[in-house]
Each structure stands twice: as structure tokens, then as C-alpha cells.
Amino acid sequence: MSPIRGAPRRKGQKLLHQQCWNWGRDIVRPQGNLLLEAGFLKRRPPEGEVGSSCYTLALPDGDRLLLWGFGLLYATPLLGGVYLNRYEFQPRWLPSESVQEPIWKPDMIPTAQTPPSPCVPMELAVAAARRIADYEEWALARCGLEYRCAVLRQWKQASKGVPPQMLPQAWRSLAEEIERQLDPEPVEKSN
């Protein structure tokens, strides 16, 4: 069962599905691969193997963001990593030492383990959501709103998608909603 419940989980499912579409279109952008331009490194599956290329972004704090068509992994040196499947948005916690690249298929993602604290997968999901918001802000500034609108129009589920100009804020809002589940408001007892 996901530690992220209710509306935030449904919102995360919707956003991540759309985001994976966006990243896929960014890869084949006629002007060049936007993920590479953003600093991601591409690793293809070994020759003769079927699977998804992995795009890895090394972040200044030692964290890493790994992307595939089937989801993402946000990994930190201290807290481990969290895998988010494109369609489920159920954070699966992995210890740092279990995250071994290359990975090119969903079944190569290590088995989820019990985190050191129930909050850790949610904290990592929050950090991932904020990194995605940063990327979307950068993509909008770099390519313009019309590019992102064209990407959305190409998606079969465009009518269910978040308008591109609202996507960074949607990710930041999701991060805040997950944080509220981490630290719910105290409930006063009535006499």
C-alpha cells in the first residue's frame, strides 16, 4: 500500500503519466534532445536487448534523477532512493546500495524494501516532484509555451492533461500535499 493516499496519489498518477509523455516528446524534439540539453546522460540498453533508454541527471548535492518511459527513480546518497512507476505513483523505497545501473526494464528495478522511517519514501517523492517542477519551468523558459502546448496536443489524453503553463505549479502543489500527509495538523479533542 502506498504511503501517499487519496487525492495526492491520484494527482501524482495523472501528473507522472503526463510528465513521462512530455519527456518522451522532449527526447525526439526536432531541434535536439531536450533532456540531453538539460544535462541528462543517455544510456541505451545493451545491444540486442529490448528496453527503455535511461536518462540520468547528476545533481549538485549528490542526488540523481533517473528517467525511463516507465517511470523514474530519485536517489540520494544518504536516504536511498524512491522509484515511482508511471501509472501507479506508489513510492517504492530502495537503499542506496541496491540502485545499480544500468536499468532498462521495470523488472530490473530492485524489490522495494522497508525504509528506515515510513516518512522517507514520501520525503523522496516530495524532492522528486520539486525537481520535476524545476525541469518544467526550465523547459518552458527554454522552448516556450507553444512548444509545450504542441506536446500536450500530440498526447492521446490531452483533454485530461494539465495545461503546460500550470504544470510546474501542479508539481509544487503535489509536493506540498504530500508534505501535509507527512505532518498532518494536530486534531483537537473535544470534551
C-alpha atoms as a PDB file:
ATOM      1  CA  MET A   1       0.000   0.000   0.000  1.00  0.00           C
ATOM      2  CA  SER A   2       1.275   3.459  -0.888  1.00  0.00           C
ATOM      3  CA  PRO A   3       2.140   5.845   1.909  1.00  0.00           C
ATOM      4  CA  ILE A   4       0.702   8.559  -0.353  1.00  0.00           C
ATOM      5  CA  ARG A   5      -3.070   8.402  -0.066  1.00  0.00           C
ATOM      6  CA  GLY A   6      -6.192   9.803  -1.638  1.00  0.00           C
ATOM      7  CA  ALA A   7      -6.186  12.907  -3.797  1.00  0.00           C
ATOM      8  CA  PRO A   8      -2.390  13.406  -3.759  1.00  0.00           C
ATOM      9  CA  ARG A   9      -1.862   9.886  -5.058  1.00  0.00           C
ATOM     10  CA  ARG A  10      -4.430  10.337  -7.841  1.00  0.00           C
ATOM     11  CA  LYS A  11      -2.895  13.694  -8.728  1.00  0.00           C
ATOM     12  CA  GLY A  12       0.580  12.124  -8.759  1.00  0.00           C
ATOM     13  CA  GLN A  13      -0.605   9.350 -11.092  1.00  0.00           C
ATOM     14  CA  LYS A  14      -2.053  11.883 -13.504  1.00  0.00           C
ATOM     15  CA  LEU A  15       0.956  14.209 -13.399  1.00  0.00           C
ATOM     16  CA  LEU A  16       3.597  11.497 -13.765  1.00  0.00           C
ATOM     17  CA  HIS A  17       1.799   9.896 -16.710  1.00  0.00           C
ATOM     18  CA  GLN A  18       1.695  13.272 -18.472  1.00  0.00           C
ATOM     19  CA  GLN A  19       5.291  14.040 -17.461  1.00  0.00           C
ATOM     20  CA  CYS A  20       6.579  10.790 -18.958  1.00  0.00           C
ATOM     21  CA  TRP A  21       4.809  11.770 -22.188  1.00  0.00           C
ATOM     22  CA  ASN A  22       6.485  15.184 -22.058  1.00  0.00           C
ATOM     23  CA  TRP A  23       9.928  13.673 -21.523  1.00  0.00           C
ATOM     24  CA  GLY A  24       9.368  11.277 -24.404  1.00  0.00           C
ATOM     25  CA  ARG A  25       8.495  14.170 -26.714  1.00  0.00           C
ATOM     26  CA  ASP A  26      11.456  16.178 -25.381  1.00  0.00           C
ATOM     27  CA  ILE A  27      13.756  13.347 -26.450  1.00  0.00           C
ATOM     28  CA  VAL A  28      12.570  13.477 -30.092  1.00  0.00           C
ATOM     29  CA  ARG A  29      12.260  17.271 -30.319  1.00  0.00           C
ATOM     30  CA  PRO A  30      13.235  18.314 -33.878  1.00  0.00           C
ATOM     31  CA  GLN A  31      15.713  20.908 -32.559  1.00  0.00           C
ATOM     32  CA  GLY A  32      17.513  18.267 -30.490  1.00  0.00           C
ATOM     33  CA  ASN A  33      17.044  16.128 -27.407  1.00  0.00           C
ATOM     34  CA  LEU A  34      15.964  18.467 -24.610  1.00  0.00           C
ATOM     35  CA  LEU A  35      16.909  16.025 -21.847  1.00  0.00           C
ATOM     36  CA  LEU A  36      20.500  15.981 -23.101  1.00  0.00           C
ATOM     37  CA  GLU A  37      20.444  19.773 -23.278  1.00  0.00           C
ATOM     38  CA  ALA A  38      19.266  19.853 -19.647  1.00  0.00           C
ATOM     39  CA  GLY A  39      22.318  17.827 -18.615  1.00  0.00           C
ATOM     40  CA  PHE A  40      20.936  14.293 -18.556  1.00  0.00           C
ATOM     41  CA  LEU A  41      23.156  11.472 -19.781  1.00  0.00           C
ATOM     42  CA  LYS A  42      21.594   8.824 -22.001  1.00  0.00           C
ATOM     43  CA  ARG A  43      22.319   5.134 -21.567  1.00  0.00           C
ATOM     44  CA  ARG A  44      20.773   2.708 -24.052  1.00  0.00           C
ATOM     45  CA  PRO A  45      20.048  -0.933 -23.312  1.00  0.00           C
ATOM     46  CA  PRO A  46      22.869  -3.270 -24.309  1.00  0.00           C
ATOM     47  CA  GLU A  47      22.932  -4.285 -27.957  1.00  0.00           C
ATOM     48  CA  GLY A  48      20.386  -6.993 -28.654  1.00  0.00           C
ATOM     49  CA  GLU A  49      18.358  -6.183 -25.512  1.00  0.00           C
ATOM     50  CA  VAL A  50      14.871  -4.717 -25.636  1.00  0.00           C
ATOM     51  CA  GLY A  51      14.126  -1.947 -23.176  1.00  0.00           C
ATOM     52  CA  SER A  52      13.941   1.735 -22.426  1.00  0.00           C
ATOM     53  CA  SER A  53      16.915   4.081 -22.525  1.00  0.00           C
ATOM     54  CA  CYS A  54      17.788   5.531 -19.136  1.00  0.00           C
ATOM     55  CA  TYR A  55      18.375   9.254 -18.754  1.00  0.00           C
ATOM     56  CA  THR A  56      20.341  10.202 -15.640  1.00  0.00           C
ATOM     57  CA  LEU A  57      20.803  13.655 -14.205  1.00  0.00           C
ATOM     58  CA  ALA A  58      23.533  14.032 -11.589  1.00  0.00           C
ATOM     59  CA  LEU A  59      22.521  16.819  -9.225  1.00  0.00           C
ATOM     60  CA  PRO A  60      24.935  19.087  -7.329  1.00  0.00           C
ATOM     61  CA  ASP A  61      24.034  17.629  -3.921  1.00  0.00           C
ATOM     62  CA  GLY A  62      24.919  14.084  -4.987  1.00  0.00           C
ATOM     63  CA  ASP A  63      21.321  13.164  -5.748  1.00  0.00           C
ATOM     64  CA  ARG A  64      20.403  11.545  -9.065  1.00  0.00           C
ATOM     65  CA  LEU A  65      17.254  11.581 -11.142  1.00  0.00           C
ATOM     66  CA  LEU A  66      16.851   8.577 -13.457  1.00  0.00           C
ATOM     67  CA  LEU A  67      14.121   8.576 -16.101  1.00  0.00           C
ATOM     68  CA  TRP A  68      12.607   5.866 -18.275  1.00  0.00           C
ATOM     69  CA  GLY A  69       9.419   5.620 -20.287  1.00  0.00           C
ATOM     70  CA  PHE A  70       8.011   3.511 -17.433  1.00  0.00           C
ATOM     71  CA  GLY A  71       8.796   5.836 -14.513  1.00  0.00           C
ATOM     72  CA  LEU A  72      11.536   7.499 -12.519  1.00  0.00           C
ATOM     73  CA  LEU A  73      13.934   6.914  -9.688  1.00  0.00           C
ATOM     74  CA  TYR A  74      15.075   9.706  -7.406  1.00  0.00           C
ATOM     75  CA  ALA A  75      18.163   8.588  -5.489  1.00  0.00           C
ATOM     76  CA  THR A  76      20.143  10.250  -2.702  1.00  0.00           C
ATOM     77  CA  PRO A  77      23.405   9.132  -1.095  1.00  0.00           C
ATOM     78  CA  LEU A  78      22.010   9.322   2.452  1.00  0.00           C
ATOM     79  CA  LEU A  79      18.323   8.410   2.289  1.00  0.00           C
ATOM     80  CA  GLY A  80      18.354   5.874  -0.526  1.00  0.00           C
ATOM     81  CA  GLY A  81      16.017   6.185  -3.458  1.00  0.00           C
ATOM     82  CA  VAL A  82      12.387   6.087  -4.394  1.00  0.00           C
ATOM     83  CA  TYR A  83      11.026   4.510  -7.560  1.00  0.00           C
ATOM     84  CA  LEU A  84       7.773   5.866  -8.969  1.00  0.00           C
ATOM     85  CA  ASN A  85       6.042   3.837 -11.672  1.00  0.00           C
ATOM     86  CA  ARG A  86       4.491   5.950 -14.425  1.00  0.00           C
ATOM     87  CA  TYR A  87       0.948   4.701 -13.779  1.00  0.00           C
ATOM     88  CA  GLU A  88       0.833   3.909 -10.050  1.00  0.00           C
ATOM     89  CA  PHE A  89       2.589   6.713  -8.144  1.00  0.00           C
ATOM     90  CA  GLN A  90       3.361   4.346  -5.264  1.00  0.00           C
ATOM     91  CA  PRO A  91       6.788   5.244  -3.849  1.00  0.00           C
ATOM     92  CA  ARG A  92       8.964   2.137  -3.553  1.00  0.00           C
ATOM     93  CA  TRP A  93      11.938   2.743  -1.286  1.00  0.00           C
ATOM     94  CA  LEU A  94      15.334   1.308  -2.182  1.00  0.00           C
ATOM     95  CA  PRO A  95      18.573   1.523  -0.189  1.00  0.00           C
ATOM     96  CA  SER A  96      21.341   3.425  -1.999  1.00  0.00           C
ATOM     97  CA  GLU A  97      23.495   0.341  -2.491  1.00  0.00           C
ATOM     98  CA  SER A  98      20.684  -1.528  -4.298  1.00  0.00           C
ATOM     99  CA  VAL A  99      20.362   1.074  -7.065  1.00  0.00           C
ATOM    100  CA  GLN A 100      22.761  -0.296  -9.647  1.00  0.00           C
ATOM    101  CA  GLU A 101      22.728   0.955 -13.213  1.00  0.00           C
ATOM    102  CA  PRO A 102      22.098   0.174 -15.946  1.00  0.00           C
ATOM    103  CA  ILE A 103      18.374  -0.442 -15.690  1.00  0.00           C
ATOM    104  CA  TRP A 104      16.308  -0.618 -18.870  1.00  0.00           C
ATOM    105  CA  LYS A 105      13.202  -2.618 -17.889  1.00  0.00           C
ATOM    106  CA  PRO A 106      10.739  -2.234 -14.999  1.00  0.00           C
ATOM    107  CA  ASP A 107      11.545  -5.738 -13.740  1.00  0.00           C
ATOM    108  CA  MET A 108      15.160  -4.643 -13.241  1.00  0.00           C
ATOM    109  CA  ILE A 109      14.121  -2.180 -10.545  1.00  0.00           C
ATOM    110  CA  PRO A 110      15.185  -3.759  -7.249  1.00  0.00           C
ATOM    111  CA  THR A 111      12.487  -5.050  -4.934  1.00  0.00           C
ATOM    112  CA  ALA A 112      11.181  -2.395  -2.580  1.00  0.00           C
ATOM    113  CA  GLN A 113      12.431  -2.663   0.967  1.00  0.00           C
ATOM    114  CA  THR A 114      11.292  -1.370   4.330  1.00  0.00           C
ATOM    115  CA  PRO A 115      12.548   2.198   4.684  1.00  0.00           C
ATOM    116  CA  PRO A 116      14.403   3.393   7.780  1.00  0.00           C
ATOM    117  CA  SER A 117      11.316   5.510   8.522  1.00  0.00           C
ATOM    118  CA  PRO A 118       7.849   5.456   6.928  1.00  0.00           C
ATOM    119  CA  CYS A 119       8.374   9.129   6.047  1.00  0.00           C
ATOM    120  CA  VAL A 120      11.461   8.570   3.882  1.00  0.00           C
ATOM    121  CA  PRO A 121       9.689   7.429   0.676  1.00  0.00           C
ATOM    122  CA  MET A 122       7.319  10.366   0.917  1.00  0.00           C
ATOM    123  CA  GLU A 123      10.171  12.831   1.555  1.00  0.00           C
ATOM    124  CA  LEU A 124      11.957  11.491  -1.523  1.00  0.00           C
ATOM    125  CA  ALA A 125       8.758  11.717  -3.583  1.00  0.00           C
ATOM    126  CA  VAL A 126       8.464  15.366  -2.500  1.00  0.00           C
ATOM    127  CA  ALA A 127      12.046  16.041  -3.597  1.00  0.00           C
ATOM    128  CA  ALA A 128      11.386  14.323  -6.942  1.00  0.00           C
ATOM    129  CA  ALA A 129       8.227  16.392  -7.508  1.00  0.00           C
ATOM    130  CA  ARG A 130      10.174  19.598  -6.874  1.00  0.00           C
ATOM    131  CA  ARG A 131      12.925  18.565  -9.308  1.00  0.00           C
ATOM    132  CA  ILE A 132      10.292  17.841 -11.952  1.00  0.00           C
ATOM    133  CA  ALA A 133       8.751  21.286 -11.338  1.00  0.00           C
ATOM    134  CA  ASP A 134      12.204  22.840 -11.816  1.00  0.00           C
ATOM    135  CA  TYR A 135      12.649  20.934 -15.084  1.00  0.00           C
ATOM    136  CA  GLU A 136       9.243  22.036 -16.387  1.00  0.00           C
ATOM    137  CA  GLU A 137       9.998  25.678 -15.534  1.00  0.00           C
ATOM    138  CA  TRP A 138      13.303  25.345 -17.385  1.00  0.00           C
ATOM    139  CA  ALA A 139      11.634  23.656 -20.399  1.00  0.00           C
ATOM    140  CA  LEU A 140       9.028  26.419 -20.617  1.00  0.00           C
ATOM    141  CA  ALA A 141      11.712  29.129 -20.417  1.00  0.00           C
ATOM    142  CA  ARG A 142      13.950  27.328 -22.914  1.00  0.00           C
ATOM    143  CA  CYS A 143      11.371  26.251 -25.510  1.00  0.00           C
ATOM    144  CA  GLY A 144       8.370  28.473 -24.877  1.00  0.00           C
ATOM    145  CA  LEU A 145       4.750  27.828 -24.058  1.00  0.00           C
ATOM    146  CA  GLU A 146       3.798  26.984 -27.650  1.00  0.00           C
ATOM    147  CA  TYR A 147       6.262  24.059 -27.694  1.00  0.00           C
ATOM    148  CA  ARG A 148       4.750  22.590 -24.514  1.00  0.00           C
ATOM    149  CA  CYS A 149       1.213  23.184 -25.815  1.00  0.00           C
ATOM    150  CA  ALA A 150       2.107  21.325 -29.025  1.00  0.00           C
ATOM    151  CA  VAL A 151       3.491  18.428 -26.941  1.00  0.00           C
ATOM    152  CA  LEU A 152       0.223  18.262 -24.986  1.00  0.00           C
ATOM    153  CA  ARG A 153      -1.897  18.359 -28.171  1.00  0.00           C
ATOM    154  CA  GLN A 154       0.000  15.304 -29.505  1.00  0.00           C
ATOM    155  CA  TRP A 155      -0.953  13.235 -26.442  1.00  0.00           C
ATOM    156  CA  LYS A 156      -3.975  10.940 -26.776  1.00  0.00           C
ATOM    157  CA  GLN A 157      -5.090  12.014 -23.315  1.00  0.00           C
ATOM    158  CA  ALA A 158      -4.601  15.759 -23.897  1.00  0.00           C
ATOM    159  CA  SER A 159      -8.106  16.586 -22.680  1.00  0.00           C
ATOM    160  CA  LYS A 160      -7.159  15.162 -19.251  1.00  0.00           C
ATOM    161  CA  GLY A 161      -3.774  16.878 -19.129  1.00  0.00           C
ATOM    162  CA  VAL A 162      -2.659  19.816 -17.043  1.00  0.00           C
ATOM    163  CA  PRO A 163      -2.114  22.958 -19.158  1.00  0.00           C
ATOM    164  CA  PRO A 164       1.655  23.373 -19.667  1.00  0.00           C
ATOM    165  CA  GLN A 165       1.831  26.799 -18.050  1.00  0.00           C
ATOM    166  CA  MET A 166       0.342  25.259 -14.896  1.00  0.00           C
ATOM    167  CA  LEU A 167       2.480  22.115 -14.799  1.00  0.00           C
ATOM    168  CA  PRO A 168       5.364  23.448 -12.643  1.00  0.00           C
ATOM    169  CA  GLN A 169       2.897  24.737 -10.052  1.00  0.00           C
ATOM    170  CA  ALA A 170       0.927  21.472 -10.199  1.00  0.00           C
ATOM    171  CA  TRP A 171       4.108  19.566  -9.264  1.00  0.00           C
ATOM    172  CA  ARG A 172       4.921  22.034  -6.456  1.00  0.00           C
ATOM    173  CA  SER A 173       1.347  21.785  -5.178  1.00  0.00           C
ATOM    174  CA  LEU A 174       1.603  17.988  -5.178  1.00  0.00           C
ATOM    175  CA  ALA A 175       4.830  18.205  -3.151  1.00  0.00           C
ATOM    176  CA  GLU A 176       3.023  20.360  -0.585  1.00  0.00           C
ATOM    177  CA  GLU A 177       0.065  17.957  -0.420  1.00  0.00           C
ATOM    178  CA  ILE A 178       2.392  15.029   0.231  1.00  0.00           C
ATOM    179  CA  GLU A 179       4.197  17.044   2.901  1.00  0.00           C
ATOM    180  CA  ARG A 180       0.860  17.655   4.627  1.00  0.00           C
ATOM    181  CA  GLN A 181       0.372  13.877   4.786  1.00  0.00           C
ATOM    182  CA  LEU A 182       3.793  13.650   6.423  1.00  0.00           C
ATOM    183  CA  ASP A 183       2.912  16.186   9.084  1.00  0.00           C
ATOM    184  CA  PRO A 184      -0.862  16.335   9.472  1.00  0.00           C
ATOM    185  CA  GLU A 185      -2.378  19.114  11.507  1.00  0.00           C
ATOM    186  CA  PRO A 186      -2.986  18.063  15.101  1.00  0.00           C
ATOM    187  CA  VAL A 187      -6.616  17.300  15.800  1.00  0.00           C
ATOM    188  CA  GLU A 188      -8.035  18.906  18.911  1.00  0.00           C
ATOM    189  CA  LYS A 189     -10.039  16.585  21.102  1.00  0.00           C
ATOM    190  CA  SER A 190     -13.423  17.859  22.107  1.00  0.00           C
ATOM    191  CA  ASN A 191     -14.654  17.406  25.658  1.00  0.00           C
END
